[in-house]
C-alpha atoms as a PDB file:
ATOM      1  CA  MET A   1     -18.547  32.793 -28.043  1.00  0.00           C
ATOM      2  CA  GLU A   2     -21.659  34.924 -27.653  1.00  0.00           C
ATOM      3  CA  LYS A   3     -23.142  33.365 -30.824  1.00  0.00           C
ATOM      4  CA  SER A   4     -22.326  29.780 -29.807  1.00  0.00           C
ATOM      5  CA  TYR A   5     -25.644  28.280 -28.733  1.00  0.00           C
ATOM      6  CA  SER A   6     -27.606  25.295 -30.002  1.00  0.00           C
ATOM      7  CA  GLU A   7     -31.201  24.782 -28.882  1.00  0.00           C
ATOM      8  CA  SER A   8     -31.298  21.396 -30.658  1.00  0.00           C
ATOM      9  CA  TYR A   9     -28.152  20.174 -28.897  1.00  0.00           C
ATOM     10  CA  LYS A  10     -29.549  21.354 -25.554  1.00  0.00           C
ATOM     11  CA  GLU A  11     -32.779  19.418 -26.184  1.00  0.00           C
ATOM     12  CA  ALA A  12     -30.586  16.355 -26.803  1.00  0.00           C
ATOM     13  CA  GLY A  13     -29.061  16.817 -23.341  1.00  0.00           C
ATOM     14  CA  VAL A  14     -25.891  18.829 -23.996  1.00  0.00           C
ATOM     15  CA  ASP A  15     -25.798  22.491 -22.959  1.00  0.00           C
ATOM     16  CA  ILE A  16     -22.639  23.939 -24.503  1.00  0.00           C
ATOM     17  CA  THR A  17     -23.155  27.273 -22.771  1.00  0.00           C
ATOM     18  CA  ALA A  18     -22.882  25.476 -19.417  1.00  0.00           C
ATOM     19  CA  GLY A  19     -19.475  24.327 -20.566  1.00  0.00           C
ATOM     20  CA  TYR A  20     -18.407  27.883 -21.279  1.00  0.00           C
ATOM     21  CA  LYS A  21     -19.566  28.954 -17.819  1.00  0.00           C
ATOM     22  CA  ALA A  22     -17.670  26.086 -16.192  1.00  0.00           C
ATOM     23  CA  VAL A  23     -14.486  27.177 -17.961  1.00  0.00           C
ATOM     24  CA  GLU A  24     -14.903  30.721 -16.712  1.00  0.00           C
ATOM     25  CA  LEU A  25     -15.500  29.516 -13.154  1.00  0.00           C
ATOM     26  CA  MET A  26     -12.441  27.261 -13.157  1.00  0.00           C
ATOM     27  CA  LYS A  27      -9.988  29.863 -14.459  1.00  0.00           C
ATOM     28  CA  LYS A  28      -9.237  31.199 -10.987  1.00  0.00           C
ATOM     29  CA  HIS A  29      -8.322  27.673  -9.886  1.00  0.00           C
ATOM     30  CA  VAL A  30      -6.117  26.989 -12.894  1.00  0.00           C
ATOM     31  CA  ALA A  31      -4.284  30.297 -12.392  1.00  0.00           C
ATOM     32  CA  ARG A  32      -3.046  29.079  -8.995  1.00  0.00           C
ATOM     33  CA  THR A  33      -1.012  26.365 -10.698  1.00  0.00           C
ATOM     34  CA  MET A  34       0.702  28.580 -13.258  1.00  0.00           C
ATOM     35  CA  PRO A  35       4.098  30.176 -12.539  1.00  0.00           C
ATOM     36  CA  GLN A  36       2.888  33.402 -14.153  1.00  0.00           C
ATOM     37  CA  GLY A  37      -0.478  33.196 -12.387  1.00  0.00           C
ATOM     38  CA  LYS A  38      -2.440  33.313 -15.633  1.00  0.00           C
ATOM     39  CA  ALA A  39      -5.084  30.769 -16.650  1.00  0.00           C
ATOM     40  CA  ASP A  40      -4.348  30.374 -20.331  1.00  0.00           C
ATOM     41  CA  ILE A  41      -7.050  27.782 -21.063  1.00  0.00           C
ATOM     42  CA  GLY A  42      -9.624  27.499 -23.802  1.00  0.00           C
ATOM     43  CA  GLY A  43      -7.319  26.738 -26.728  1.00  0.00           C
ATOM     44  CA  PHE A  44      -6.784  23.381 -28.405  1.00  0.00           C
ATOM     45  CA  GLY A  45      -3.567  22.491 -26.612  1.00  0.00           C
ATOM     46  CA  GLY A  46      -1.825  23.269 -23.360  1.00  0.00           C
ATOM     47  CA  LEU A  47       1.508  25.063 -23.703  1.00  0.00           C
ATOM     48  CA  PHE A  48       4.197  25.036 -21.040  1.00  0.00           C
ATOM     49  CA  PRO A  49       7.900  25.950 -21.331  1.00  0.00           C
ATOM     50  CA  LEU A  50      10.196  23.049 -20.462  1.00  0.00           C
ATOM     51  CA  ASP A  51      13.086  24.018 -18.206  1.00  0.00           C
ATOM     52  CA  VAL A  52      15.877  21.435 -18.559  1.00  0.00           C
ATOM     53  CA  ALA A  53      18.730  23.651 -17.397  1.00  0.00           C
ATOM     54  CA  GLY A  54      21.526  21.566 -15.886  1.00  0.00           C
ATOM     55  CA  MET A  55      20.243  18.280 -17.296  1.00  0.00           C
ATOM     56  CA  LYS A  56      22.517  16.256 -19.556  1.00  0.00           C
ATOM     57  CA  GLN A  57      19.784  14.014 -21.006  1.00  0.00           C
ATOM     58  CA  PRO A  58      16.240  15.044 -20.051  1.00  0.00           C
ATOM     59  CA  VAL A  59      13.736  12.205 -19.996  1.00  0.00           C
ATOM     60  CA  LEU A  60       9.970  12.785 -19.955  1.00  0.00           C
ATOM     61  CA  VAL A  61       8.011  10.521 -17.631  1.00  0.00           C
ATOM     62  CA  SER A  62       4.234  10.205 -17.907  1.00  0.00           C
ATOM     63  CA  GLY A  63       1.483   8.692 -15.808  1.00  0.00           C
ATOM     64  CA  THR A  64      -2.291   8.453 -15.950  1.00  0.00           C
ATOM     65  CA  ASP A  65      -4.953   7.329 -13.490  1.00  0.00           C
ATOM     66  CA  GLY A  66      -8.390   8.041 -12.113  1.00  0.00           C
ATOM     67  CA  VAL A  67     -10.067   8.186  -8.735  1.00  0.00           C
ATOM     68  CA  GLY A  68     -12.067   4.971  -9.060  1.00  0.00           C
ATOM     69  CA  THR A  69     -15.189   4.222  -7.083  1.00  0.00           C
ATOM     70  CA  LYS A  70     -14.165   6.625  -4.321  1.00  0.00           C
ATOM     71  CA  ILE A  71     -16.117   9.104  -6.415  1.00  0.00           C
ATOM     72  CA  LYS A  72     -19.281   7.373  -5.188  1.00  0.00           C
ATOM     73  CA  LEU A  73     -18.532   8.807  -1.720  1.00  0.00           C
ATOM     74  CA  ALA A  74     -18.304  12.287  -3.243  1.00  0.00           C
ATOM     75  CA  PHE A  75     -21.781  11.777  -4.752  1.00  0.00           C
ATOM     76  CA  LEU A  76     -23.242  10.554  -1.463  1.00  0.00           C
ATOM     77  CA  MET A  77     -21.630  13.366   0.553  1.00  0.00           C
ATOM     78  CA  ASP A  78     -22.283  15.969  -2.160  1.00  0.00           C
ATOM     79  CA  LYS A  79     -18.688  17.074  -1.679  1.00  0.00           C
ATOM     80  CA  HIS A  80     -16.666  17.484  -4.837  1.00  0.00           C
ATOM     81  CA  ASP A  81     -13.647  19.621  -3.962  1.00  0.00           C
ATOM     82  CA  THR A  82     -11.283  16.863  -2.818  1.00  0.00           C
ATOM     83  CA  VAL A  83     -11.470  14.099  -5.458  1.00  0.00           C
ATOM     84  CA  GLY A  84      -9.432  16.276  -7.796  1.00  0.00           C
ATOM     85  CA  ILE A  85      -6.571  16.107  -5.286  1.00  0.00           C
ATOM     86  CA  ASP A  86      -6.855  12.310  -5.413  1.00  0.00           C
ATOM     87  CA  CYS A  87      -6.706  12.385  -9.201  1.00  0.00           C
ATOM     88  CA  VAL A  88      -3.488  14.407  -9.243  1.00  0.00           C
ATOM     89  CA  ALA A  89      -1.964  12.344  -6.444  1.00  0.00           C
ATOM     90  CA  MET A  90      -2.526   9.029  -8.206  1.00  0.00           C
ATOM     91  CA  CYS A  91      -0.569  10.288 -11.209  1.00  0.00           C
ATOM     92  CA  VAL A  92       2.241  12.356  -9.700  1.00  0.00           C
ATOM     93  CA  ASN A  93       2.979   9.877  -6.898  1.00  0.00           C
ATOM     94  CA  ASP A  94       3.618   7.301  -9.611  1.00  0.00           C
ATOM     95  CA  ILE A  95       6.043   9.354 -11.673  1.00  0.00           C
ATOM     96  CA  ILE A  96       8.020  10.533  -8.638  1.00  0.00           C
ATOM     97  CA  CYS A  97       8.911   6.864  -8.064  1.00  0.00           C
ATOM     98  CA  CYS A  98      11.546   7.081 -10.797  1.00  0.00           C
ATOM     99  CA  GLY A  99      12.745  10.473  -9.598  1.00  0.00           C
ATOM    100  CA  ALA A 100      10.834  12.650 -12.065  1.00  0.00           C
ATOM    101  CA  LYS A 101       9.594  16.104 -11.137  1.00  0.00           C
ATOM    102  CA  PRO A 102       5.982  16.613 -12.326  1.00  0.00           C
ATOM    103  CA  ILE A 103       5.676  19.603 -14.607  1.00  0.00           C
ATOM    104  CA  VAL A 104       2.219  19.512 -16.229  1.00  0.00           C
ATOM    105  CA  PHE A 105      -1.171  17.915 -15.565  1.00  0.00           C
ATOM    106  CA  LEU A 106      -4.379  17.544 -17.569  1.00  0.00           C
ATOM    107  CA  ASP A 107      -7.748  16.285 -16.369  1.00  0.00           C
ATOM    108  CA  TYR A 108     -10.750  14.637 -18.036  1.00  0.00           C
ATOM    109  CA  ILE A 109     -14.230  14.879 -16.557  1.00  0.00           C
ATOM    110  CA  ALA A 110     -17.128  12.932 -18.037  1.00  0.00           C
ATOM    111  CA  CYS A 111     -20.514  13.882 -16.590  1.00  0.00           C
ATOM    112  CA  GLY A 112     -24.160  13.100 -17.118  1.00  0.00           C
ATOM    113  CA  ARG A 113     -24.939  16.801 -17.057  1.00  0.00           C
ATOM    114  CA  ASN A 114     -22.654  19.807 -16.818  1.00  0.00           C
ATOM    115  CA  PHE A 115     -23.434  21.712 -13.637  1.00  0.00           C
ATOM    116  CA  PRO A 116     -20.849  24.529 -13.912  1.00  0.00           C
ATOM    117  CA  GLU A 117     -20.439  25.115 -10.187  1.00  0.00           C
ATOM    118  CA  LYS A 118     -19.893  21.396  -9.535  1.00  0.00           C
ATOM    119  CA  ILE A 119     -17.376  21.094 -12.384  1.00  0.00           C
ATOM    120  CA  ALA A 120     -15.535  24.152 -11.095  1.00  0.00           C
ATOM    121  CA  SER A 121     -15.422  22.615  -7.620  1.00  0.00           C
ATOM    122  CA  ILE A 122     -13.910  19.415  -9.022  1.00  0.00           C
ATOM    123  CA  VAL A 123     -11.326  21.392 -10.961  1.00  0.00           C
ATOM    124  CA  GLY A 124     -10.619  23.418  -7.826  1.00  0.00           C
ATOM    125  CA  GLY A 125      -9.518  20.169  -6.198  1.00  0.00           C
ATOM    126  CA  VAL A 126      -7.385  19.297  -9.228  1.00  0.00           C
ATOM    127  CA  ALA A 127      -5.725  22.707  -8.995  1.00  0.00           C
ATOM    128  CA  GLU A 128      -5.031  22.248  -5.288  1.00  0.00           C
ATOM    129  CA  GLY A 129      -3.410  18.899  -6.079  1.00  0.00           C
ATOM    130  CA  CYS A 130      -1.244  20.554  -8.720  1.00  0.00           C
ATOM    131  CA  VAL A 131      -0.168  23.231  -6.251  1.00  0.00           C
ATOM    132  CA  ARG A 132       0.810  20.540  -3.747  1.00  0.00           C
ATOM    133  CA  ALA A 133       2.724  18.680  -6.475  1.00  0.00           C
ATOM    134  CA  GLY A 134       4.354  21.802  -7.891  1.00  0.00           C
ATOM    135  CA  CYS A 135       3.046  21.261 -11.421  1.00  0.00           C
ATOM    136  CA  ALA A 136       0.847  23.290 -13.771  1.00  0.00           C
ATOM    137  CA  LEU A 137      -2.714  22.449 -14.805  1.00  0.00           C
ATOM    138  CA  VAL A 138      -2.302  23.240 -18.495  1.00  0.00           C
ATOM    139  CA  GLY A 139      -5.583  21.896 -19.836  1.00  0.00           C
ATOM    140  CA  GLY A 140      -8.341  19.356 -19.647  1.00  0.00           C
ATOM    141  CA  GLU A 141     -11.701  18.300 -21.021  1.00  0.00           C
ATOM    142  CA  THR A 142     -15.244  18.232 -19.694  1.00  0.00           C
ATOM    143  CA  ALA A 143     -17.526  15.935 -21.672  1.00  0.00           C
ATOM    144  CA  GLU A 144     -21.282  15.878 -21.170  1.00  0.00           C
ATOM    145  CA  HIS A 145     -22.704  12.386 -21.728  1.00  0.00           C
ATOM    146  CA  PRO A 146     -26.527  12.461 -21.448  1.00  0.00           C
ATOM    147  CA  GLY A 147     -28.040   9.006 -21.446  1.00  0.00           C
ATOM    148  CA  LEU A 148     -24.692   7.368 -20.750  1.00  0.00           C
ATOM    149  CA  MET A 149     -24.627   8.167 -17.032  1.00  0.00           C
ATOM    150  CA  PRO A 150     -27.067   9.730 -14.543  1.00  0.00           C
ATOM    151  CA  GLU A 151     -27.225  13.539 -14.581  1.00  0.00           C
ATOM    152  CA  GLU A 152     -25.733  13.906 -11.088  1.00  0.00           C
ATOM    153  CA  GLU A 153     -22.777  11.595 -11.678  1.00  0.00           C
ATOM    154  CA  TYR A 154     -19.362  12.052 -13.226  1.00  0.00           C
ATOM    155  CA  ASP A 155     -16.021  10.302 -13.630  1.00  0.00           C
ATOM    156  CA  LEU A 156     -12.592  11.863 -13.320  1.00  0.00           C
ATOM    157  CA  ALA A 157      -9.215  10.898 -14.744  1.00  0.00           C
ATOM    158  CA  GLY A 158      -5.908  12.638 -15.181  1.00  0.00           C
ATOM    159  CA  PHE A 159      -2.572  12.617 -16.968  1.00  0.00           C
ATOM    160  CA  ALA A 160       0.754  13.934 -15.702  1.00  0.00           C
ATOM    161  CA  VAL A 161       4.121  14.504 -17.316  1.00  0.00           C
ATOM    162  CA  GLY A 162       7.379  14.947 -15.428  1.00  0.00           C
ATOM    163  CA  VAL A 163      11.047  15.245 -16.294  1.00  0.00           C
ATOM    164  CA  VAL A 164      14.228  13.703 -14.895  1.00  0.00           C
ATOM    165  CA  ASP A 165      17.845  13.592 -16.013  1.00  0.00           C
ATOM    166  CA  ALA A 166      18.611  10.122 -17.405  1.00  0.00           C
ATOM    167  CA  GLU A 167      21.543   9.647 -15.064  1.00  0.00           C
ATOM    168  CA  LYS A 168      19.324  10.318 -12.051  1.00  0.00           C
ATOM    169  CA  VAL A 169      16.521   7.857 -12.864  1.00  0.00           C
ATOM    170  CA  ILE A 170      15.827   5.599  -9.854  1.00  0.00           C
ATOM    171  CA  ASP A 171      16.066   2.062 -11.228  1.00  0.00           C
ATOM    172  CA  ASN A 172      16.896  -0.165  -8.172  1.00  0.00           C
ATOM    173  CA  THR A 173      20.157  -1.467  -9.742  1.00  0.00           C
ATOM    174  CA  LYS A 174      22.173  -0.400  -6.683  1.00  0.00           C
ATOM    175  CA  MET A 175      19.872  -2.012  -4.130  1.00  0.00           C
ATOM    176  CA  LYS A 176      21.357  -4.780  -1.980  1.00  0.00           C
ATOM    177  CA  ALA A 177      20.602  -6.885   1.086  1.00  0.00           C
ATOM    178  CA  GLY A 178      20.959  -4.832   4.258  1.00  0.00           C
ATOM    179  CA  ASP A 179      19.423  -1.682   2.764  1.00  0.00           C
ATOM    180  CA  VAL A 180      16.559  -0.152   4.714  1.00  0.00           C
ATOM    181  CA  MET A 181      12.985   0.451   3.600  1.00  0.00           C
ATOM    182  CA  LEU A 182      11.348   3.589   4.993  1.00  0.00           C
ATOM    183  CA  ALA A 183       7.611   4.229   5.261  1.00  0.00           C
ATOM    184  CA  LEU A 184       5.910   7.501   4.402  1.00  0.00           C
ATOM    185  CA  PRO A 185       2.546   7.497   6.195  1.00  0.00           C
ATOM    186  CA  SER A 186      -0.685   7.702   4.219  1.00  0.00           C
ATOM    187  CA  SER A 187      -3.547  10.061   4.998  1.00  0.00           C
ATOM    188  CA  GLY A 188      -6.070   7.224   4.909  1.00  0.00           C
ATOM    189  CA  VAL A 189      -7.456   4.793   2.366  1.00  0.00           C
ATOM    190  CA  HIS A 190      -6.252   7.112  -0.432  1.00  0.00           C
ATOM    191  CA  SER A 191      -7.919   6.061  -3.715  1.00  0.00           C
ATOM    192  CA  ASN A 192      -7.778   2.277  -3.832  1.00  0.00           C
ATOM    193  CA  GLY A 193      -9.842  -0.577  -2.495  1.00  0.00           C
ATOM    194  CA  PHE A 194     -13.075   1.406  -2.459  1.00  0.00           C
ATOM    195  CA  SER A 195     -15.139  -1.329  -4.055  1.00  0.00           C
ATOM    196  CA  LEU A 196     -14.385  -3.399  -0.956  1.00  0.00           C
ATOM    197  CA  VAL A 197     -14.801  -0.392   1.354  1.00  0.00           C
ATOM    198  CA  ARG A 198     -18.236   0.361  -0.082  1.00  0.00           C
ATOM    199  CA  LYS A 199     -19.280  -3.270   0.361  1.00  0.00           C
ATOM    200  CA  VAL A 200     -18.001  -3.506   3.940  1.00  0.00           C
ATOM    201  CA  PHE A 201     -19.829  -0.369   5.120  1.00  0.00           C
ATOM    202  CA  ASP A 202     -22.780  -0.543   2.697  1.00  0.00           C
ATOM    203  CA  VAL A 203     -22.152   3.159   2.128  1.00  0.00           C
ATOM    204  CA  GLU A 204     -25.324   3.765   0.112  1.00  0.00           C
ATOM    205  CA  HIS A 205     -27.430   2.865   3.163  1.00  0.00           C
ATOM    206  CA  CYS A 206     -25.379   3.975   6.173  1.00  0.00           C
ATOM    207  CA  ASP A 207     -25.122   7.316   7.969  1.00  0.00           C
ATOM    208  CA  LEU A 208     -21.849   8.720   6.658  1.00  0.00           C
ATOM    209  CA  LEU A 209     -22.041  11.733   8.975  1.00  0.00           C
ATOM    210  CA  ALA A 210     -22.532   9.882  12.261  1.00  0.00           C
ATOM    211  CA  PRO A 211     -19.503  10.022  14.609  1.00  0.00           C
ATOM    212  CA  VAL A 212     -17.596   6.746  14.785  1.00  0.00           C
ATOM    213  CA  GLU A 213     -15.828   5.975  18.069  1.00  0.00           C
ATOM    214  CA  GLU A 214     -13.055   3.954  16.408  1.00  0.00           C
ATOM    215  CA  LEU A 215     -12.303   6.948  14.145  1.00  0.00           C
ATOM    216  CA  GLY A 216     -11.894   9.395  17.001  1.00  0.00           C
ATOM    217  CA  GLY A 217     -15.444  10.660  16.686  1.00  0.00           C
ATOM    218  CA  LYS A 218     -15.131  11.597  13.038  1.00  0.00           C
ATOM    219  CA  GLY A 219     -17.781  10.589  10.535  1.00  0.00           C
ATOM    220  CA  LEU A 220     -17.087   7.657   8.220  1.00  0.00           C
ATOM    221  CA  GLY A 221     -17.691   9.783   5.128  1.00  0.00           C
ATOM    222  CA  GLU A 222     -15.199  12.442   6.214  1.00  0.00           C
ATOM    223  CA  VAL A 223     -12.482   9.870   6.881  1.00  0.00           C
ATOM    224  CA  LEU A 224     -13.044   7.977   3.640  1.00  0.00           C
ATOM    225  CA  LEU A 225     -13.039  11.151   1.537  1.00  0.00           C
ATOM    226  CA  THR A 226      -9.715  12.312   3.007  1.00  0.00           C
ATOM    227  CA  PRO A 227      -7.659  13.037  -0.125  1.00  0.00           C
ATOM    228  CA  THR A 228      -4.629  11.013  -1.139  1.00  0.00           C
ATOM    229  CA  LYS A 229      -1.397  12.470   0.169  1.00  0.00           C
ATOM    230  CA  ILE A 230       0.948  13.927  -2.443  1.00  0.00           C
ATOM    231  CA  TYR A 231       4.578  13.016  -1.747  1.00  0.00           C
ATOM    232  CA  VAL A 232       6.315  14.925  -4.544  1.00  0.00           C
ATOM    233  CA  LYS A 233       7.923  17.816  -2.669  1.00  0.00           C
ATOM    234  CA  PRO A 234       9.293  15.773   0.295  1.00  0.00           C
ATOM    235  CA  VAL A 235      10.701  13.138  -2.063  1.00  0.00           C
ATOM    236  CA  LEU A 236      12.327  15.727  -4.336  1.00  0.00           C
ATOM    237  CA  ALA A 237      13.920  17.272  -1.242  1.00  0.00           C
ATOM    238  CA  LEU A 238      15.192  13.852  -0.186  1.00  0.00           C
ATOM    239  CA  LEU A 239      16.696  13.135  -3.595  1.00  0.00           C
ATOM    240  CA  LYS A 240      18.924  16.194  -3.235  1.00  0.00           C
ATOM    241  CA  GLU A 241      20.376  14.931   0.045  1.00  0.00           C
ATOM    242  CA  VAL A 242      20.465  11.128  -0.038  1.00  0.00           C
ATOM    243  CA  GLU A 243      20.950   8.403  -2.635  1.00  0.00           C
ATOM    244  CA  VAL A 244      17.563   6.721  -3.026  1.00  0.00           C
ATOM    245  CA  LYS A 245      17.639   3.164  -4.369  1.00  0.00           C
ATOM    246  CA  GLY A 246      13.942   2.491  -4.870  1.00  0.00           C
ATOM    247  CA  ILE A 247      10.492   4.004  -4.374  1.00  0.00           C
ATOM    248  CA  SER A 248       7.055   2.371  -4.425  1.00  0.00           C
ATOM    249  CA  HIS A 249       3.682   4.112  -4.443  1.00  0.00           C
ATOM    250  CA  ILE A 250       1.382   1.856  -2.420  1.00  0.00           C
ATOM    251  CA  THR A 251      -1.908   1.679  -4.316  1.00  0.00           C
ATOM    252  CA  GLY A 252      -4.248  -1.160  -5.358  1.00  0.00           C
ATOM    253  CA  GLY A 253      -2.532  -4.446  -4.593  1.00  0.00           C
ATOM    254  CA  GLY A 254      -1.199  -3.141  -1.303  1.00  0.00           C
ATOM    255  CA  PHE A 255       2.162  -4.267   0.023  1.00  0.00           C
ATOM    256  CA  TYR A 256       2.367  -7.533  -1.894  1.00  0.00           C
ATOM    257  CA  GLU A 257       1.906  -6.035  -5.350  1.00  0.00           C
ATOM    258  CA  ASN A 258       3.524  -2.605  -5.096  1.00  0.00           C
ATOM    259  CA  MET A 259       6.673  -2.942  -3.009  1.00  0.00           C
ATOM    260  CA  PRO A 260       8.230  -5.656  -5.204  1.00  0.00           C
ATOM    261  CA  ARG A 261       8.081  -3.245  -8.151  1.00  0.00           C
ATOM    262  CA  SER A 262      10.980  -1.279  -6.707  1.00  0.00           C
ATOM    263  CA  ILE A 263      13.006  -4.341  -5.640  1.00  0.00           C
ATOM    264  CA  PRO A 264      15.243  -6.267  -8.100  1.00  0.00           C
ATOM    265  CA  LYS A 265      14.858  -9.989  -8.662  1.00  0.00           C
ATOM    266  CA  GLY A 266      16.568 -12.116  -6.045  1.00  0.00           C
ATOM    267  CA  LEU A 267      15.849  -9.645  -3.262  1.00  0.00           C
ATOM    268  CA  GLY A 268      12.857  -9.094  -1.020  1.00  0.00           C
ATOM    269  CA  VAL A 269      11.839  -6.966   1.934  1.00  0.00           C
ATOM    270  CA  LYS A 270      11.285  -8.277   5.440  1.00  0.00           C
ATOM    271  CA  ILE A 271       8.718  -6.310   7.446  1.00  0.00           C
ATOM    272  CA  ARG A 272       7.588  -6.921  11.005  1.00  0.00           C
ATOM    273  CA  LYS A 273       3.839  -6.423  11.198  1.00  0.00           C
ATOM    274  CA  GLU A 274       4.136  -4.645  14.542  1.00  0.00           C
ATOM    275  CA  ASP A 275       6.330  -2.002  12.866  1.00  0.00           C
ATOM    276  CA  VAL A 276       3.548  -0.981  10.482  1.00  0.00           C
ATOM    277  CA  LYS A 277       1.707   2.037  11.868  1.00  0.00           C
ATOM    278  CA  VAL A 278      -1.781   0.942  10.824  1.00  0.00           C
ATOM    279  CA  LEU A 279      -4.395   3.705  10.751  1.00  0.00           C
ATOM    280  CA  PRO A 280      -7.694   3.182  12.646  1.00  0.00           C
ATOM    281  CA  ILE A 281      -9.761   3.116   9.428  1.00  0.00           C
ATOM    282  CA  PHE A 282      -8.033  -0.090   8.329  1.00  0.00           C
ATOM    283  CA  SER A 283      -8.622  -1.823  11.656  1.00  0.00           C
ATOM    284  CA  LEU A 284     -12.272  -0.837  11.350  1.00  0.00           C
ATOM    285  CA  ILE A 285     -12.526  -2.185   7.788  1.00  0.00           C
ATOM    286  CA  GLN A 286     -10.966  -5.473   8.853  1.00  0.00           C
ATOM    287  CA  LYS A 287     -13.284  -5.792  11.863  1.00  0.00           C
ATOM    288  CA  ARG A 288     -16.525  -4.765  10.174  1.00  0.00           C
ATOM    289  CA  GLY A 289     -15.874  -6.747   6.983  1.00  0.00           C
ATOM    290  CA  ASN A 290     -14.221  -9.777   8.593  1.00  0.00           C
ATOM    291  CA  VAL A 291     -11.416  -9.330   6.053  1.00  0.00           C
ATOM    292  CA  SER A 292      -8.357 -11.554   6.408  1.00  0.00           C
ATOM    293  CA  GLU A 293      -5.035  -9.984   7.344  1.00  0.00           C
ATOM    294  CA  HIS A 294      -3.524 -11.118   4.046  1.00  0.00           C
ATOM    295  CA  ASP A 295      -6.317  -9.483   2.062  1.00  0.00           C
ATOM    296  CA  MET A 296      -5.937  -6.252   4.041  1.00  0.00           C
ATOM    297  CA  PHE A 297      -2.237  -6.018   3.183  1.00  0.00           C
ATOM    298  CA  ASN A 298      -2.980  -7.099  -0.404  1.00  0.00           C
ATOM    299  CA  THR A 299      -5.691  -4.470  -0.988  1.00  0.00           C
ATOM    300  CA  PHE A 300      -4.940  -1.386   1.103  1.00  0.00           C
ATOM    301  CA  ASN A 301      -1.934   0.794   1.947  1.00  0.00           C
ATOM    302  CA  MET A 302      -2.491   0.034   5.659  1.00  0.00           C
ATOM    303  CA  GLY A 303      -1.121   3.444   6.633  1.00  0.00           C
ATOM    304  CA  VAL A 304       1.923   3.361   4.330  1.00  0.00           C
ATOM    305  CA  GLY A 305       1.390   5.526   1.253  1.00  0.00           C
ATOM    306  CA  MET A 306       4.908   5.274  -0.125  1.00  0.00           C
ATOM    307  CA  SER A 307       8.014   3.212   0.618  1.00  0.00           C
ATOM    308  CA  ILE A 308      11.598   4.346   0.009  1.00  0.00           C
ATOM    309  CA  VAL A 309      14.756   2.236   0.061  1.00  0.00           C
ATOM    310  CA  VAL A 310      18.097   3.761   1.122  1.00  0.00           C
ATOM    311  CA  ALA A 311      21.410   2.405   2.394  1.00  0.00           C
ATOM    312  CA  LYS A 312      21.382   1.534   6.074  1.00  0.00           C
ATOM    313  CA  GLU A 313      23.964   4.225   6.819  1.00  0.00           C
ATOM    314  CA  ASP A 314      21.745   6.837   5.120  1.00  0.00           C
ATOM    315  CA  ALA A 315      18.516   5.910   6.915  1.00  0.00           C
ATOM    316  CA  GLU A 316      18.872   8.344   9.821  1.00  0.00           C
ATOM    317  CA  LYS A 317      19.677  11.275   7.521  1.00  0.00           C
ATOM    318  CA  ALA A 318      16.833  10.335   5.151  1.00  0.00           C
ATOM    319  CA  ILE A 319      14.318  10.285   8.006  1.00  0.00           C
ATOM    320  CA  SER A 320      15.629  13.656   9.221  1.00  0.00           C
ATOM    321  CA  VAL A 321      15.230  15.221   5.763  1.00  0.00           C
ATOM    322  CA  LEU A 322      11.720  13.803   5.384  1.00  0.00           C
ATOM    323  CA  HIS A 323      10.723  15.022   8.850  1.00  0.00           C
ATOM    324  CA  ALA A 324      11.984  18.479   7.970  1.00  0.00           C
ATOM    325  CA  ASN A 325       9.685  18.397   4.936  1.00  0.00           C
ATOM    326  CA  GLY A 326       6.557  17.391   6.834  1.00  0.00           C
ATOM    327  CA  GLU A 327       6.697  13.604   6.527  1.00  0.00           C
ATOM    328  CA  GLU A 328       6.704  11.448   9.664  1.00  0.00           C
ATOM    329  CA  ALA A 329       8.811   8.781   7.966  1.00  0.00           C
ATOM    330  CA  TYR A 330      10.002   5.727   9.907  1.00  0.00           C
ATOM    331  CA  VAL A 331      11.922   2.487   9.334  1.00  0.00           C
ATOM    332  CA  LEU A 332       9.570  -0.126   7.944  1.00  0.00           C
ATOM    333  CA  GLY A 333      11.760  -3.067   6.968  1.00  0.00           C
ATOM    334  CA  GLU A 334      15.004  -4.455   5.623  1.00  0.00           C
ATOM    335  CA  ILE A 335      16.037  -5.649   2.164  1.00  0.00           C
ATOM    336  CA  VAL A 336      17.009  -9.344   2.314  1.00  0.00           C
ATOM    337  CA  ASN A 337      18.378 -12.024   0.014  1.00  0.00           C
ATOM    338  CA  SER A 338      15.040 -13.567  -0.890  1.00  0.00           C
ATOM    339  CA  GLY A 339      13.067 -13.745  -4.073  1.00  0.00           C
ATOM    340  CA  ASP A 340       9.795 -13.956  -2.165  1.00  0.00           C
ATOM    341  CA  GLY A 341       8.963 -10.256  -2.491  1.00  0.00           C
ATOM    342  CA  VAL A 342       7.330  -8.990   0.709  1.00  0.00           C
ATOM    343  CA  ILE A 343       7.855 -11.075   3.831  1.00  0.00           C
ATOM    344  CA  LEU A 344       5.503 -10.036   6.633  1.00  0.00           C
ATOM    345  CA  CYS A 345       6.442 -11.624   9.946  1.00  0.00           C
END
């Protein structure tokens, strides 16, 4: 590519050589996600061998998402190595809900100007997310958009593909009243509700580094930028040991919108509010923003990043397996004969 250079294109705001440098800088990150440890990027398509050994009817499962306005915090903090984890998490946590193991991931970064070191930092976060999810970063795209967005800003989205045997797809058909819903704790706000978060704290004009007593002395910016937890490996471990009847990834829409997705019609889940292990950041948001309790549970994960439904007799074993895989899971609620979705009492 030594001859690939356009002075005219650069004068228009696009430096293609910066793109080449960014690719070179990100190769070490991409290599971490590859089974063979080689960053085979730069072609027109990402290749990855599909291992379906032992599967009777392999089914591909795909998911796509972005990081949303949480990226604004990355701009304000000038910290760009964690939002990539969020991007991966938002995709792979979705596809694990039907029992699929993520196998490949691709990212898309649109930026006002390509600063190679910044782009490489973002991709470093994506690679870390892929390592945590056990999937390969097989490709992506960085698009420089001068005039469309400020030079210092960017947006980030991703796309994941997983695979599951058709007979092992989690489809909630075996769920019944008396089953137990377990909670997998979140690491914080994750990547949803940030338009409200930004309004509550007026993040553009507050000191994001100042210690906050309610947050254990941590700065608001640090807590808000905490990356979304990736639940893939603990859930895959659980699926080998216990029959799982339903999984929900708690994202935008909170409890009221997400949990019913994994529950069949005619059933609901009864949750006692005192059983929800609410993280301090949510109490602070509610207090500072004077946000109603209903809106808190209808916007945020409230400390529950994922919910899993198992038979009552399997609950103790499921919690034990999850604990052994680093998840402090606990009983959150009970499936009941009610078509009202989530019943908080």
